[in-house]
Amino acid sequence: MIVIAALIIGAALGARAAKKRGGATADILQYAAVYAIASGILGTILTILIDRFFV
């Protein structure tokens, strides 16, 4: 659940960052994808840590 939320939030933040910089559609999609991948990895790590230490 954390990973899915992180992917969605990351994609939204990436798209927002590209729009703020005046990027074209391809730029917006690329930023959204990169931010989603990065936040998805962090979400996965967070999920593993929570599972190992608190469950």
PDB file of N, CA and C in Angstrom:
ATOM      1  N   MET A   1       0.821  -1.191   0.000  1.00  0.00           N
ATOM      2  CA  MET A   1       0.000   0.000   0.000  1.00  0.00           C
ATOM      3  C   MET A   1       0.866   1.256   0.000  1.00  0.00           C
ATOM      4  N   ILE A   2       1.940   1.210   0.768  1.00  0.00           N
ATOM      5  CA  ILE A   2       2.840   2.360   0.818  1.00  0.00           C
ATOM      6  C   ILE A   2       3.494   2.575  -0.539  1.00  0.00           C
ATOM      7  N   VAL A   3       3.827   1.478  -1.207  1.00  0.00           N
ATOM      8  CA  VAL A   3       4.504   1.583  -2.499  1.00  0.00           C
ATOM      9  C   VAL A   3       3.588   2.226  -3.539  1.00  0.00           C
ATOM     10  N   ILE A   4       2.343   1.829  -3.563  1.00  0.00           N
ATOM     11  CA  ILE A   4       1.399   2.390  -4.531  1.00  0.00           C
ATOM     12  C   ILE A   4       1.202   3.886  -4.283  1.00  0.00           C
ATOM     13  N   ALA A   5       1.054   4.247  -3.019  1.00  0.00           N
ATOM     14  CA  ALA A   5       0.899   5.663  -2.686  1.00  0.00           C
ATOM     15  C   ALA A   5       2.153   6.446  -3.070  1.00  0.00           C
ATOM     16  N   ALA A   6       3.326   5.859  -2.818  1.00  0.00           N
ATOM     17  CA  ALA A   6       4.575   6.535  -3.167  1.00  0.00           C
ATOM     18  C   ALA A   6       4.702   6.719  -4.676  1.00  0.00           C
ATOM     19  N   LEU A   7       4.280   5.720  -5.447  1.00  0.00           N
ATOM     20  CA  LEU A   7       4.328   5.835  -6.910  1.00  0.00           C
ATOM     21  C   LEU A   7       3.442   6.973  -7.408  1.00  0.00           C
ATOM     22  N   ILE A   8       2.236   7.035  -6.887  1.00  0.00           N
ATOM     23  CA  ILE A   8       1.289   8.065  -7.328  1.00  0.00           C
ATOM     24  C   ILE A   8       1.763   9.459  -6.924  1.00  0.00           C
ATOM     25  N   ILE A   9       2.194   9.596  -5.679  1.00  0.00           N
ATOM     26  CA  ILE A   9       2.675  10.895  -5.203  1.00  0.00           C
ATOM     27  C   ILE A   9       3.935  11.305  -5.958  1.00  0.00           C
ATOM     28  N   GLY A  10       4.841  10.362  -6.182  1.00  0.00           N
ATOM     29  CA  GLY A  10       6.063  10.659  -6.918  1.00  0.00           C
ATOM     30  C   GLY A  10       5.785  11.121  -8.340  1.00  0.00           C
ATOM     31  N   ALA A  11       4.858  10.438  -9.010  1.00  0.00           N
ATOM     32  CA  ALA A  11       4.509  10.831 -10.378  1.00  0.00           C
ATOM     33  C   ALA A  11       3.900  12.228 -10.405  1.00  0.00           C
ATOM     34  N   ALA A  12       3.059  12.520  -9.440  1.00  0.00           N
ATOM     35  CA  ALA A  12       2.443  13.844  -9.389  1.00  0.00           C
ATOM     36  C   ALA A  12       3.484  14.931  -9.128  1.00  0.00           C
ATOM     37  N   LEU A  13       4.414  14.660  -8.219  1.00  0.00           N
ATOM     38  CA  LEU A  13       5.460  15.642  -7.933  1.00  0.00           C
ATOM     39  C   LEU A  13       6.381  15.838  -9.134  1.00  0.00           C
ATOM     40  N   GLY A  14       6.691  14.754  -9.845  1.00  0.00           N
ATOM     41  CA  GLY A  14       7.538  14.858 -11.021  1.00  0.00           C
ATOM     42  C   GLY A  14       6.876  15.658 -12.128  1.00  0.00           C
ATOM     43  N   ALA A  15       5.596  15.403 -12.364  1.00  0.00           N
ATOM     44  CA  ALA A  15       4.872  16.148 -13.385  1.00  0.00           C
ATOM     45  C   ALA A  15       4.795  17.619 -13.016  1.00  0.00           C
ATOM     46  N   ARG A  16       4.573  17.889 -11.751  1.00  0.00           N
ATOM     47  CA  ARG A  16       4.500  19.278 -11.290  1.00  0.00           C
ATOM     48  C   ARG A  16       5.837  19.995 -11.456  1.00  0.00           C
ATOM     49  N   ALA A  17       6.927  19.298 -11.160  1.00  0.00           N
ATOM     50  CA  ALA A  17       8.253  19.895 -11.309  1.00  0.00           C
ATOM     51  C   ALA A  17       8.553  20.212 -12.772  1.00  0.00           C
ATOM     52  N   ALA A  18       8.172  19.303 -13.674  1.00  0.00           N
ATOM     53  CA  ALA A  18       8.426  19.540 -15.092  1.00  0.00           C
ATOM     54  C   ALA A  18       7.572  20.686 -15.629  1.00  0.00           C
ATOM     55  N   LYS A  19       6.322  20.759 -15.185  1.00  0.00           N
ATOM     56  CA  LYS A  19       5.460  21.853 -15.618  1.00  0.00           C
ATOM     57  C   LYS A  19       5.993  23.191 -15.122  1.00  0.00           C
ATOM     58  N   LYS A  20       6.495  23.187 -13.901  1.00  0.00           N
ATOM     59  CA  LYS A  20       7.027  24.414 -13.313  1.00  0.00           C
ATOM     60  C   LYS A  20       8.239  24.914 -14.096  1.00  0.00           C
ATOM     61  N   ARG A  21       9.020  23.986 -14.645  1.00  0.00           N
ATOM     62  CA  ARG A  21      10.193  24.354 -15.426  1.00  0.00           C
ATOM     63  C   ARG A  21       9.861  24.634 -16.888  1.00  0.00           C
ATOM     64  N   GLY A  22       8.588  24.510 -17.256  1.00  0.00           N
ATOM     65  CA  GLY A  22       8.166  24.815 -18.613  1.00  0.00           C
ATOM     66  C   GLY A  22       8.444  23.701 -19.607  1.00  0.00           C
ATOM     67  N   GLY A  23       8.381  22.466 -19.154  1.00  0.00           N
ATOM     68  CA  GLY A  23       8.693  21.342 -20.021  1.00  0.00           C
ATOM     69  C   GLY A  23       7.565  20.989 -20.975  1.00  0.00           C
ATOM     70  N   ALA A  24       7.942  20.338 -22.068  1.00  0.00           N
ATOM     71  CA  ALA A  24       6.963  19.846 -23.036  1.00  0.00           C
ATOM     72  C   ALA A  24       6.325  18.568 -22.485  1.00  0.00           C
ATOM     73  N   THR A  25       5.395  18.008 -23.239  1.00  0.00           N
ATOM     74  CA  THR A  25       4.685  16.814 -22.777  1.00  0.00           C
ATOM     75  C   THR A  25       5.640  15.659 -22.497  1.00  0.00           C
ATOM     76  N   ALA A  26       6.617  15.457 -23.382  1.00  0.00           N
ATOM     77  CA  ALA A  26       7.580  14.371 -23.178  1.00  0.00           C
ATOM     78  C   ALA A  26       8.396  14.601 -21.904  1.00  0.00           C
ATOM     79  N   ASP A  27       8.751  15.837 -21.636  1.00  0.00           N
ATOM     80  CA  ASP A  27       9.489  16.151 -20.412  1.00  0.00           C
ATOM     81  C   ASP A  27       8.655  15.852 -19.176  1.00  0.00           C
ATOM     82  N   ILE A  28       7.392  16.226 -19.228  1.00  0.00           N
ATOM     83  CA  ILE A  28       6.506  15.989 -18.097  1.00  0.00           C
ATOM     84  C   ILE A  28       6.367  14.494 -17.837  1.00  0.00           C
ATOM     85  N   LEU A  29       6.198  13.712 -18.903  1.00  0.00           N
ATOM     86  CA  LEU A  29       6.077  12.265 -18.747  1.00  0.00           C
ATOM     87  C   LEU A  29       7.363  11.641 -18.214  1.00  0.00           C
ATOM     88  N   GLN A  30       8.495  12.116 -18.681  1.00  0.00           N
ATOM     89  CA  GLN A  30       9.765  11.574 -18.221  1.00  0.00           C
ATOM     90  C   GLN A  30      10.010  11.910 -16.748  1.00  0.00           C
ATOM     91  N   TYR A  31       9.781  13.137 -16.363  1.00  0.00           N
ATOM     92  CA  TYR A  31       9.936  13.514 -14.964  1.00  0.00           C
ATOM     93  C   TYR A  31       8.997  12.696 -14.076  1.00  0.00           C
ATOM     94  N   ALA A  32       7.751  12.537 -14.517  1.00  0.00           N
ATOM     95  CA  ALA A  32       6.790  11.761 -13.739  1.00  0.00           C
ATOM     96  C   ALA A  32       7.261  10.326 -13.579  1.00  0.00           C
ATOM     97  N   ALA A  33       7.792   9.735 -14.640  1.00  0.00           N
ATOM     98  CA  ALA A  33       8.262   8.352 -14.567  1.00  0.00           C
ATOM     99  C   ALA A  33       9.467   8.216 -13.641  1.00  0.00           C
ATOM    100  N   VAL A  34      10.413   9.117 -13.758  1.00  0.00           N
ATOM    101  CA  VAL A  34      11.619   9.041 -12.923  1.00  0.00           C
ATOM    102  C   VAL A  34      11.274   9.258 -11.458  1.00  0.00           C
ATOM    103  N   TYR A  35      10.454  10.239 -11.160  1.00  0.00           N
ATOM    104  CA  TYR A  35      10.056  10.490  -9.776  1.00  0.00           C
ATOM    105  C   TYR A  35       9.252   9.310  -9.232  1.00  0.00           C
ATOM    106  N   ALA A  36       8.401   8.707 -10.049  1.00  0.00           N
ATOM    107  CA  ALA A  36       7.608   7.560  -9.600  1.00  0.00           C
ATOM    108  C   ALA A  36       8.510   6.373  -9.294  1.00  0.00           C
ATOM    109  N   ILE A  37       9.500   6.117 -10.143  1.00  0.00           N
ATOM    110  CA  ILE A  37      10.418   5.005  -9.900  1.00  0.00           C
ATOM    111  C   ILE A  37      11.215   5.238  -8.624  1.00  0.00           C
ATOM    112  N   ALA A  38      11.743   6.430  -8.467  1.00  0.00           N
ATOM    113  CA  ALA A  38      12.546   6.737  -7.277  1.00  0.00           C
ATOM    114  C   ALA A  38      11.715   6.642  -6.004  1.00  0.00           C
ATOM    115  N   SER A  39      10.531   7.197  -6.020  1.00  0.00           N
ATOM    116  CA  SER A  39       9.701   7.135  -4.817  1.00  0.00           C
ATOM    117  C   SER A  39       9.179   5.723  -4.584  1.00  0.00           C
ATOM    118  N   GLY A  40       8.978   4.949  -5.648  1.00  0.00           N
ATOM    119  CA  GLY A  40       8.570   3.557  -5.490  1.00  0.00           C
ATOM    120  C   GLY A  40       9.645   2.730  -4.812  1.00  0.00           C
ATOM    121  N   ILE A  41      10.899   2.985  -5.173  1.00  0.00           N
ATOM    122  CA  ILE A  41      12.010   2.281  -4.514  1.00  0.00           C
ATOM    123  C   ILE A  41      12.073   2.657  -3.041  1.00  0.00           C
ATOM    124  N   LEU A  42      11.935   3.939  -2.745  1.00  0.00           N
ATOM    125  CA  LEU A  42      11.937   4.372  -1.342  1.00  0.00           C
ATOM    126  C   LEU A  42      10.755   3.791  -0.576  1.00  0.00           C
ATOM    127  N   GLY A  43       9.599   3.717  -1.227  1.00  0.00           N
ATOM    128  CA  GLY A  43       8.429   3.122  -0.599  1.00  0.00           C
ATOM    129  C   GLY A  43       8.625   1.643  -0.310  1.00  0.00           C
ATOM    130  N   THR A  44       9.298   0.949  -1.222  1.00  0.00           N
ATOM    131  CA  THR A  44       9.596  -0.470  -1.007  1.00  0.00           C
ATOM    132  C   THR A  44      10.531  -0.656   0.176  1.00  0.00           C
ATOM    133  N   ILE A  45      11.568   0.166   0.244  1.00  0.00           N
ATOM    134  CA  ILE A  45      12.508   0.094   1.365  1.00  0.00           C
ATOM    135  C   ILE A  45      11.792   0.399   2.672  1.00  0.00           C
ATOM    136  N   LEU A  46      10.947   1.405   2.673  1.00  0.00           N
ATOM    137  CA  LEU A  46      10.194   1.750   3.877  1.00  0.00           C
ATOM    138  C   LEU A  46       9.276   0.612   4.302  1.00  0.00           C
ATOM    139  N   THR A  47       8.628  -0.032   3.341  1.00  0.00           N
ATOM    140  CA  THR A  47       7.747  -1.153   3.646  1.00  0.00           C
ATOM    141  C   THR A  47       8.534  -2.309   4.258  1.00  0.00           C
ATOM    142  N   ILE A  48       9.711  -2.589   3.714  1.00  0.00           N
ATOM    143  CA  ILE A  48      10.542  -3.671   4.255  1.00  0.00           C
ATOM    144  C   ILE A  48      10.975  -3.349   5.670  1.00  0.00           C
ATOM    145  N   LEU A  49      11.413  -2.104   5.894  1.00  0.00           N
ATOM    146  CA  LEU A  49      11.832  -1.710   7.241  1.00  0.00           C
ATOM    147  C   LEU A  49      10.711  -1.800   8.249  1.00  0.00           C
ATOM    148  N   ILE A  50       9.533  -1.351   7.870  1.00  0.00           N
ATOM    149  CA  ILE A  50       8.384  -1.431   8.774  1.00  0.00           C
ATOM    150  C   ILE A  50       8.064  -2.889   9.085  1.00  0.00           C
ATOM    151  N   ASP A  51       8.103  -3.737   8.067  1.00  0.00           N
ATOM    152  CA  ASP A  51       7.793  -5.148   8.262  1.00  0.00           C
ATOM    153  C   ASP A  51       8.832  -5.825   9.163  1.00  0.00           C
ATOM    154  N   ARG A  52      10.080  -5.477   8.996  1.00  0.00           N
ATOM    155  CA  ARG A  52      11.160  -6.116   9.790  1.00  0.00           C
ATOM    156  C   ARG A  52      11.160  -5.662  11.246  1.00  0.00           C
ATOM    157  N   PHE A  53      10.903  -4.393  11.483  1.00  0.00           N
ATOM    158  CA  PHE A  53      11.064  -3.864  12.826  1.00  0.00           C
ATOM    159  C   PHE A  53       9.787  -3.776  13.647  1.00  0.00           C
ATOM    160  N   PHE A  54       8.642  -3.675  13.009  1.00  0.00           N
ATOM    161  CA  PHE A  54       7.430  -3.432  13.765  1.00  0.00           C
ATOM    162  C   PHE A  54       6.384  -4.541  13.667  1.00  0.00           C
ATOM    163  N   VAL A  55       6.605  -5.533  12.837  1.00  0.00           N
ATOM    164  CA  VAL A  55       5.597  -6.585  12.695  1.00  0.00           C
ATOM    165  C   VAL A  55       6.166  -7.911  13.120  1.00  0.00           C
TER     166      VAL A  55
END
